[in-house]
Amino acid sequence: MKWTLSQLQKYRNKDFLVDDIIRVDEIKEYDSTIRDVSPMHITGRGDIDSTKVTFHLKIEGHLILPCSRTLVDVKLPINVEITETFLFQGSEYDVEEEANRVKGDLIDLTPIIQEILLLEVPMQVFCDDTDSEDAAPQFGKDWEVVHEQEQSKKIDPRLAGLAKFFDENDSSSE
């Protein structure tokens, strides 16, 4: 994902489409919780004029992270849209616009993509597959995981007698 300024200037005021698959395995060195990184599919376009180039990109792929409960591998899908602007040398800088300055004659998007992926890693990831033998146990001695839907259907045994009381009153009033 590297281009020289002369390569980009050929596409000034024309369509510059980006469709590339890159490997960013280096992010595992920055975050030890990332176990694996799929090849990232980068699509989008670049808008090029005489003072700057703006990339509108979509990043798709997945990361493998450990489950916070069981340390089982969890596949975290990545689907991010970004906009990055690079200002050429000698161009005016708009203070409200977040932009990168081009150093030398090369624009490299790989470090920016790595940074975006590191920002997408959540604090905690949980495995949804409860049927797997590696997943967290759902029951044990004198306990079980109770889901909210199941709990709302059950009548509290302490109030079961009260439900019978209202049934008796309804039948006696008729």
C-alpha atoms as a PDB file:
ATOM      1  CA  MET A   1       0.000   0.000   0.000  1.00  0.00           C
ATOM      2  CA  LYS A   2       2.767   2.384  -1.020  1.00  0.00           C
ATOM      3  CA  TRP A   3       2.704   4.947  -3.809  1.00  0.00           C
ATOM      4  CA  THR A   4       5.097   7.648  -4.914  1.00  0.00           C
ATOM      5  CA  LEU A   5       3.802  11.159  -5.501  1.00  0.00           C
ATOM      6  CA  SER A   6       4.531  10.890  -9.225  1.00  0.00           C
ATOM      7  CA  GLN A   7       2.424   7.698  -9.455  1.00  0.00           C
ATOM      8  CA  LEU A   8      -0.475   9.438  -7.742  1.00  0.00           C
ATOM      9  CA  GLN A   9      -0.228  12.618  -9.814  1.00  0.00           C
ATOM     10  CA  LYS A  10      -1.026  10.564 -12.925  1.00  0.00           C
ATOM     11  CA  TYR A  11      -4.512  10.066 -11.440  1.00  0.00           C
ATOM     12  CA  ARG A  12      -5.150  13.728 -10.610  1.00  0.00           C
ATOM     13  CA  ASN A  13      -8.858  14.481 -11.157  1.00  0.00           C
ATOM     14  CA  LYS A  14      -9.413  10.874 -12.273  1.00  0.00           C
ATOM     15  CA  ASP A  15     -10.674   7.760 -10.506  1.00  0.00           C
ATOM     16  CA  PHE A  16      -7.979   6.131  -8.383  1.00  0.00           C
ATOM     17  CA  LEU A  17      -9.505   2.865  -7.170  1.00  0.00           C
ATOM     18  CA  VAL A  18      -7.905   0.776  -4.443  1.00  0.00           C
ATOM     19  CA  ASP A  19      -8.557  -2.958  -4.217  1.00  0.00           C
ATOM     20  CA  ASP A  20      -5.778  -4.804  -2.451  1.00  0.00           C
ATOM     21  CA  ILE A  21      -5.187  -7.588   0.058  1.00  0.00           C
ATOM     22  CA  ILE A  22      -2.409  -6.968   2.560  1.00  0.00           C
ATOM     23  CA  ARG A  23      -0.903  -8.867   5.484  1.00  0.00           C
ATOM     24  CA  VAL A  24      -0.416  -6.930   8.708  1.00  0.00           C
ATOM     25  CA  ASP A  25       1.055  -9.616  10.946  1.00  0.00           C
ATOM     26  CA  GLU A  26       3.312  -7.008  12.589  1.00  0.00           C
ATOM     27  CA  ILE A  27       0.444  -5.838  14.822  1.00  0.00           C
ATOM     28  CA  LYS A  28       0.874  -9.031  16.862  1.00  0.00           C
ATOM     29  CA  GLU A  29       4.140  -7.530  18.098  1.00  0.00           C
ATOM     30  CA  TYR A  30       2.321  -4.429  19.414  1.00  0.00           C
ATOM     31  CA  ASP A  31      -0.573  -6.265  21.095  1.00  0.00           C
ATOM     32  CA  SER A  32       0.189  -9.663  22.604  1.00  0.00           C
ATOM     33  CA  THR A  33      -3.514 -10.575  22.890  1.00  0.00           C
ATOM     34  CA  ILE A  34      -3.826 -10.808  19.096  1.00  0.00           C
ATOM     35  CA  ARG A  35      -3.206 -14.446  18.242  1.00  0.00           C
ATOM     36  CA  ASP A  36      -3.679 -14.266  14.470  1.00  0.00           C
ATOM     37  CA  VAL A  37      -4.531 -11.758  11.752  1.00  0.00           C
ATOM     38  CA  SER A  38      -6.267 -12.644   8.511  1.00  0.00           C
ATOM     39  CA  PRO A  39      -5.198 -10.957   5.290  1.00  0.00           C
ATOM     40  CA  MET A  40      -7.034  -7.615   5.218  1.00  0.00           C
ATOM     41  CA  HIS A  41      -9.045  -6.717   2.112  1.00  0.00           C
ATOM     42  CA  ILE A  42      -8.707  -2.989   1.436  1.00  0.00           C
ATOM     43  CA  THR A  43     -11.143  -1.378  -1.012  1.00  0.00           C
ATOM     44  CA  GLY A  44     -11.996   2.221  -1.786  1.00  0.00           C
ATOM     45  CA  ARG A  45     -10.788   5.190  -3.731  1.00  0.00           C
ATOM     46  CA  GLY A  46      -8.329   8.047  -3.615  1.00  0.00           C
ATOM     47  CA  ASP A  47      -9.194  11.656  -4.448  1.00  0.00           C
ATOM     48  CA  ILE A  48      -6.086  13.378  -5.756  1.00  0.00           C
ATOM     49  CA  ASP A  49      -5.572  17.082  -6.428  1.00  0.00           C
ATOM     50  CA  SER A  50      -2.528  19.358  -6.583  1.00  0.00           C
ATOM     51  CA  THR A  51      -2.150  19.818  -2.811  1.00  0.00           C
ATOM     52  CA  LYS A  52      -3.390  16.623  -1.218  1.00  0.00           C
ATOM     53  CA  VAL A  53      -4.664  13.081  -1.627  1.00  0.00           C
ATOM     54  CA  THR A  54      -7.613  11.767   0.389  1.00  0.00           C
ATOM     55  CA  PHE A  55      -8.198   8.030   0.707  1.00  0.00           C
ATOM     56  CA  HIS A  56     -11.688   6.680   1.463  1.00  0.00           C
ATOM     57  CA  LEU A  57     -11.096   3.047   2.369  1.00  0.00           C
ATOM     58  CA  LYS A  58     -12.934   0.057   3.773  1.00  0.00           C
ATOM     59  CA  ILE A  59     -10.942  -2.552   5.728  1.00  0.00           C
ATOM     60  CA  GLU A  60     -12.358  -6.084   5.979  1.00  0.00           C
ATOM     61  CA  GLY A  61     -10.929  -9.183   7.626  1.00  0.00           C
ATOM     62  CA  HIS A  62     -10.777 -10.716  11.070  1.00  0.00           C
ATOM     63  CA  LEU A  63      -8.586 -11.010  14.139  1.00  0.00           C
ATOM     64  CA  ILE A  64      -8.236 -14.036  16.409  1.00  0.00           C
ATOM     65  CA  LEU A  65      -8.352 -13.012  20.075  1.00  0.00           C
ATOM     66  CA  PRO A  66      -8.631 -15.009  23.319  1.00  0.00           C
ATOM     67  CA  CYS A  67     -11.999 -15.274  25.072  1.00  0.00           C
ATOM     68  CA  SER A  68     -11.886 -13.276  28.311  1.00  0.00           C
ATOM     69  CA  ARG A  69     -13.467 -16.150  30.267  1.00  0.00           C
ATOM     70  CA  THR A  70     -11.911 -19.276  28.815  1.00  0.00           C
ATOM     71  CA  LEU A  71      -8.990 -18.184  26.596  1.00  0.00           C
ATOM     72  CA  VAL A  72     -10.564 -20.031  23.642  1.00  0.00           C
ATOM     73  CA  ASP A  73      -9.871 -18.479  20.231  1.00  0.00           C
ATOM     74  CA  VAL A  74     -12.565 -15.996  19.190  1.00  0.00           C
ATOM     75  CA  LYS A  75     -12.860 -14.701  15.631  1.00  0.00           C
ATOM     76  CA  LEU A  76     -13.449 -10.924  15.721  1.00  0.00           C
ATOM     77  CA  PRO A  77     -14.712  -9.611  12.377  1.00  0.00           C
ATOM     78  CA  ILE A  78     -13.226  -6.323  11.184  1.00  0.00           C
ATOM     79  CA  ASN A  79     -15.292  -4.060   8.952  1.00  0.00           C
ATOM     80  CA  VAL A  80     -14.058  -0.453   9.219  1.00  0.00           C
ATOM     81  CA  GLU A  81     -14.375   2.567   6.962  1.00  0.00           C
ATOM     82  CA  ILE A  82     -11.683   5.238   7.210  1.00  0.00           C
ATOM     83  CA  THR A  83     -10.781   8.520   5.552  1.00  0.00           C
ATOM     84  CA  GLU A  84      -7.144   9.587   5.553  1.00  0.00           C
ATOM     85  CA  THR A  85      -5.734  12.763   4.014  1.00  0.00           C
ATOM     86  CA  PHE A  86      -2.099  13.295   3.041  1.00  0.00           C
ATOM     87  CA  LEU A  87      -0.861  16.831   2.379  1.00  0.00           C
ATOM     88  CA  PHE A  88       1.905  17.275  -0.176  1.00  0.00           C
ATOM     89  CA  GLN A  89       4.982  19.387   0.578  1.00  0.00           C
ATOM     90  CA  GLY A  90       4.355  23.134   0.537  1.00  0.00           C
ATOM     91  CA  SER A  91       0.575  22.805   0.768  1.00  0.00           C
ATOM     92  CA  GLU A  92      -1.586  24.881   3.088  1.00  0.00           C
ATOM     93  CA  TYR A  93      -2.741  23.085   6.203  1.00  0.00           C
ATOM     94  CA  ASP A  94      -6.355  23.441   7.307  1.00  0.00           C
ATOM     95  CA  VAL A  95      -6.358  23.401  11.107  1.00  0.00           C
ATOM     96  CA  GLU A  96      -9.783  21.759  11.348  1.00  0.00           C
ATOM     97  CA  GLU A  97      -8.863  18.899   9.050  1.00  0.00           C
ATOM     98  CA  GLU A  98      -6.867  16.003  10.438  1.00  0.00           C
ATOM     99  CA  ALA A  99      -4.182  15.239   7.899  1.00  0.00           C
ATOM    100  CA  ASN A 100      -0.809  13.560   7.496  1.00  0.00           C
ATOM    101  CA  ARG A 101       2.173  15.245   5.918  1.00  0.00           C
ATOM    102  CA  VAL A 102       3.992  13.368   3.182  1.00  0.00           C
ATOM    103  CA  LYS A 103       7.590  12.734   4.172  1.00  0.00           C
ATOM    104  CA  GLY A 104       9.835  12.391   1.178  1.00  0.00           C
ATOM    105  CA  ASP A 105       8.246  11.129  -2.012  1.00  0.00           C
ATOM    106  CA  LEU A 106       6.308   8.140  -0.652  1.00  0.00           C
ATOM    107  CA  ILE A 107       2.830   7.628   0.826  1.00  0.00           C
ATOM    108  CA  ASP A 108       2.543   4.431   2.871  1.00  0.00           C
ATOM    109  CA  LEU A 109      -0.876   3.441   4.228  1.00  0.00           C
ATOM    110  CA  THR A 110       0.275   0.266   5.994  1.00  0.00           C
ATOM    111  CA  PRO A 111       1.186   1.921   9.345  1.00  0.00           C
ATOM    112  CA  ILE A 112      -2.162   3.738   9.393  1.00  0.00           C
ATOM    113  CA  ILE A 113      -4.049   0.500   8.703  1.00  0.00           C
ATOM    114  CA  GLN A 114      -2.107  -1.208  11.507  1.00  0.00           C
ATOM    115  CA  GLU A 115      -3.031   1.608  13.894  1.00  0.00           C
ATOM    116  CA  ILE A 116      -6.719   1.392  12.941  1.00  0.00           C
ATOM    117  CA  LEU A 117      -6.706  -2.377  13.542  1.00  0.00           C
ATOM    118  CA  LEU A 118      -5.086  -1.953  16.959  1.00  0.00           C
ATOM    119  CA  LEU A 119      -7.810   0.536  17.868  1.00  0.00           C
ATOM    120  CA  GLU A 120     -10.479  -2.007  16.884  1.00  0.00           C
ATOM    121  CA  VAL A 121      -9.330  -4.568  19.486  1.00  0.00           C
ATOM    122  CA  PRO A 122     -11.935  -4.514  22.291  1.00  0.00           C
ATOM    123  CA  MET A 123     -11.127  -4.659  26.003  1.00  0.00           C
ATOM    124  CA  GLN A 124     -12.930  -7.998  26.383  1.00  0.00           C
ATOM    125  CA  VAL A 125     -14.057 -10.631  23.894  1.00  0.00           C
ATOM    126  CA  PHE A 126     -16.431 -13.456  24.792  1.00  0.00           C
ATOM    127  CA  CYS A 127     -16.944 -16.784  23.037  1.00  0.00           C
ATOM    128  CA  ASP A 128     -20.559 -17.238  21.897  1.00  0.00           C
ATOM    129  CA  ASP A 129     -20.245 -20.956  21.167  1.00  0.00           C
ATOM    130  CA  THR A 130     -21.457 -22.590  24.389  1.00  0.00           C
ATOM    131  CA  ASP A 131     -21.627 -26.071  22.817  1.00  0.00           C
ATOM    132  CA  SER A 132     -17.885 -26.338  22.257  1.00  0.00           C
ATOM    133  CA  GLU A 133     -15.940 -28.433  24.755  1.00  0.00           C
ATOM    134  CA  ASP A 134     -13.434 -25.565  25.111  1.00  0.00           C
ATOM    135  CA  ALA A 135     -16.159 -23.037  25.977  1.00  0.00           C
ATOM    136  CA  ALA A 136     -17.043 -21.952  29.496  1.00  0.00           C
ATOM    137  CA  PRO A 137     -19.123 -24.528  31.366  1.00  0.00           C
ATOM    138  CA  GLN A 138     -22.839 -23.728  31.520  1.00  0.00           C
ATOM    139  CA  PHE A 139     -23.610 -25.740  34.673  1.00  0.00           C
ATOM    140  CA  GLY A 140     -21.914 -27.363  37.617  1.00  0.00           C
ATOM    141  CA  LYS A 141     -22.621 -28.688  41.117  1.00  0.00           C
ATOM    142  CA  ASP A 142     -25.513 -26.637  42.505  1.00  0.00           C
ATOM    143  CA  TRP A 143     -25.379 -23.973  39.793  1.00  0.00           C
ATOM    144  CA  GLU A 144     -26.251 -23.302  36.147  1.00  0.00           C
ATOM    145  CA  VAL A 145     -26.230 -20.334  33.802  1.00  0.00           C
ATOM    146  CA  VAL A 146     -29.710 -18.829  33.638  1.00  0.00           C
ATOM    147  CA  HIS A 147     -30.733 -16.819  30.594  1.00  0.00           C
ATOM    148  CA  GLU A 148     -33.090 -13.884  30.983  1.00  0.00           C
ATOM    149  CA  GLN A 149     -35.763 -15.340  28.662  1.00  0.00           C
ATOM    150  CA  GLU A 150     -35.972 -18.562  30.686  1.00  0.00           C
ATOM    151  CA  GLN A 151     -36.080 -16.659  33.962  1.00  0.00           C
ATOM    152  CA  SER A 152     -38.974 -14.396  32.914  1.00  0.00           C
ATOM    153  CA  LYS A 153     -41.236 -17.413  32.163  1.00  0.00           C
ATOM    154  CA  LYS A 154     -40.741 -19.059  35.565  1.00  0.00           C
ATOM    155  CA  ILE A 155     -42.930 -18.119  38.525  1.00  0.00           C
ATOM    156  CA  ASP A 156     -41.079 -17.479  41.735  1.00  0.00           C
ATOM    157  CA  PRO A 157     -41.938 -20.433  44.034  1.00  0.00           C
ATOM    158  CA  ARG A 158     -42.408 -18.013  46.953  1.00  0.00           C
ATOM    159  CA  LEU A 159     -45.239 -16.352  45.025  1.00  0.00           C
ATOM    160  CA  ALA A 160     -46.900 -19.511  43.665  1.00  0.00           C
ATOM    161  CA  GLY A 161     -49.389 -19.547  46.567  1.00  0.00           C
ATOM    162  CA  LEU A 162     -50.362 -15.961  45.774  1.00  0.00           C
ATOM    163  CA  ALA A 163     -51.202 -16.940  42.187  1.00  0.00           C
ATOM    164  CA  LYS A 164     -53.538 -19.642  43.537  1.00  0.00           C
ATOM    165  CA  PHE A 165     -55.188 -17.065  45.818  1.00  0.00           C
ATOM    166  CA  PHE A 166     -56.213 -14.914  42.866  1.00  0.00           C
ATOM    167  CA  ASP A 167     -57.479 -17.977  40.959  1.00  0.00           C
ATOM    168  CA  GLU A 168     -59.732 -18.888  43.943  1.00  0.00           C
ATOM    169  CA  ASN A 169     -61.107 -15.324  44.176  1.00  0.00           C
ATOM    170  CA  ASP A 170     -61.962 -15.254  40.467  1.00  0.00           C
ATOM    171  CA  SER A 171     -63.879 -18.541  40.666  1.00  0.00           C
ATOM    172  CA  SER A 172     -65.792 -17.551  43.851  1.00  0.00           C
ATOM    173  CA  SER A 173     -66.925 -14.180  42.466  1.00  0.00           C
ATOM    174  CA  GLU A 174     -68.642 -15.759  39.451  1.00  0.00           C
END
